[in-house]
Amino acid sequence: KNSVFAFIRMAKDPNDCLVIAANFTPVPREEYRVGVPRAAFYREILNTDAGIYGGGNVGNDGGVSSEPVKSHGRADSIVLTLPPLSMVILKPE
């Protein structure tokens, strides 16, 4: 409905994962909640809207902390700013 695709890429170590969210619309998605596998600070390790890629630098100021709010079948979640026509990748610390 929002033209957003989000998923979790798990590794063999259950504490190691990536959260990926892509916004396929030309408008930013503010306060977009995504369920995450565990409580942590999620560092933004890639933002395809970053200025170094010619983008507008819309993002999450380097990362976001999870909240104990249920979403997508998970006990914890993060609230993201999704840049237009871009993808962000976050990794828990």
Protein backbone atom coordinates (compact mmCIF):
# COMPACT_ATOMS: atom_id res chain seq x y z
CA LYS A 1 0.00 0.00 0.00
CA ASN A 2 2.85 2.41 0.85
CA SER A 3 5.20 0.99 -1.81
CA VAL A 4 7.70 0.09 0.92
CA PHE A 5 9.50 -3.26 1.03
CA ALA A 6 11.19 -4.15 4.33
CA PHE A 7 12.86 -7.35 5.43
CA ILE A 8 15.41 -8.80 7.84
CA ARG A 9 18.49 -10.62 6.56
CA MET A 10 19.57 -13.13 9.19
CA ALA A 11 23.05 -14.65 9.57
CA LYS A 12 24.06 -17.97 11.12
CA ASP A 13 24.56 -16.12 14.40
CA PRO A 14 21.00 -15.20 15.51
CA ASN A 15 22.30 -11.94 17.02
CA ASP A 16 23.70 -10.83 13.67
CA CYS A 17 21.27 -9.44 11.12
CA LEU A 18 20.53 -6.56 8.77
CA VAL A 19 17.27 -4.63 8.52
CA ILE A 20 16.62 -3.42 4.98
CA ALA A 21 13.86 -1.01 3.96
CA ALA A 22 13.25 0.39 0.48
CA ASN A 23 10.85 3.21 -0.40
CA PHE A 24 9.67 2.97 -4.02
CA THR A 25 7.82 6.29 -4.02
CA PRO A 26 9.07 9.82 -4.79
CA VAL A 27 8.02 11.07 -1.33
CA PRO A 28 9.78 10.44 2.00
CA ARG A 29 8.04 8.15 4.48
CA GLU A 30 8.30 9.74 7.93
CA GLU A 31 7.81 7.72 11.13
CA TYR A 32 7.65 4.37 9.33
CA ARG A 33 7.59 1.58 11.94
CA VAL A 34 9.37 -1.72 11.22
CA GLY A 35 9.52 -4.75 13.52
CA VAL A 36 13.03 -5.88 14.49
CA PRO A 37 14.37 -9.14 15.98
CA ARG A 38 15.80 -7.67 19.18
CA ALA A 39 16.16 -4.55 21.29
CA ALA A 40 19.25 -2.59 20.21
CA PHE A 41 20.56 0.56 18.59
CA TYR A 42 20.32 0.06 14.82
CA ARG A 43 23.15 1.87 13.02
CA GLU A 44 22.38 3.04 9.49
CA ILE A 45 25.22 1.46 7.49
CA LEU A 46 23.90 2.37 4.03
CA ASN A 47 21.54 5.06 2.83
CA THR A 48 21.28 5.33 -0.96
CA ASP A 49 19.95 8.89 -0.57
CA ALA A 50 23.24 10.06 0.97
CA GLY A 51 24.90 13.09 -0.57
CA ILE A 52 27.92 11.05 -1.66
CA TYR A 53 25.57 9.20 -4.04
CA GLY A 54 23.97 12.41 -5.30
CA GLY A 55 20.97 12.18 -2.97
CA GLY A 56 19.26 14.64 -0.68
CA ASN A 57 20.63 13.31 2.65
CA VAL A 58 17.20 12.31 3.99
CA GLY A 59 17.74 9.64 6.63
CA ASN A 60 18.02 8.63 10.25
CA ASP A 61 20.96 10.65 11.58
CA GLY A 62 23.18 7.58 11.67
CA GLY A 63 20.73 5.22 13.34
CA VAL A 64 17.77 4.65 15.64
CA SER A 65 17.08 2.88 18.93
CA SER A 66 14.44 0.19 19.09
CA GLU A 67 11.33 0.56 21.21
CA PRO A 68 9.32 -2.15 23.02
CA VAL A 69 6.42 -1.63 20.61
CA LYS A 70 5.03 -4.64 18.76
CA SER A 71 5.11 -4.50 14.97
CA HIS A 72 5.15 -7.07 12.16
CA GLY A 73 4.90 -9.93 14.66
CA ARG A 74 7.94 -8.77 16.63
CA ALA A 75 8.11 -7.52 20.23
CA ASP A 76 10.42 -4.61 19.35
CA SER A 77 10.41 -2.13 16.51
CA ILE A 78 12.19 0.91 15.09
CA VAL A 79 10.76 4.08 13.60
CA LEU A 80 12.49 5.14 10.39
CA THR A 81 12.57 8.02 7.99
CA LEU A 82 12.63 6.40 4.56
CA PRO A 83 14.09 8.64 1.85
CA PRO A 84 12.27 8.86 -1.48
CA LEU A 85 13.22 6.30 -4.14
CA SER A 86 15.93 4.93 -1.85
CA MET A 87 16.97 2.12 0.45
CA VAL A 88 18.41 2.08 3.97
CA ILE A 89 20.27 -0.79 5.62
CA LEU A 90 20.65 -0.92 9.40
CA LYS A 91 22.66 -3.22 11.65
CA PRO A 92 22.04 -3.74 15.39
CA GLU A 93 24.90 -2.94 17.76
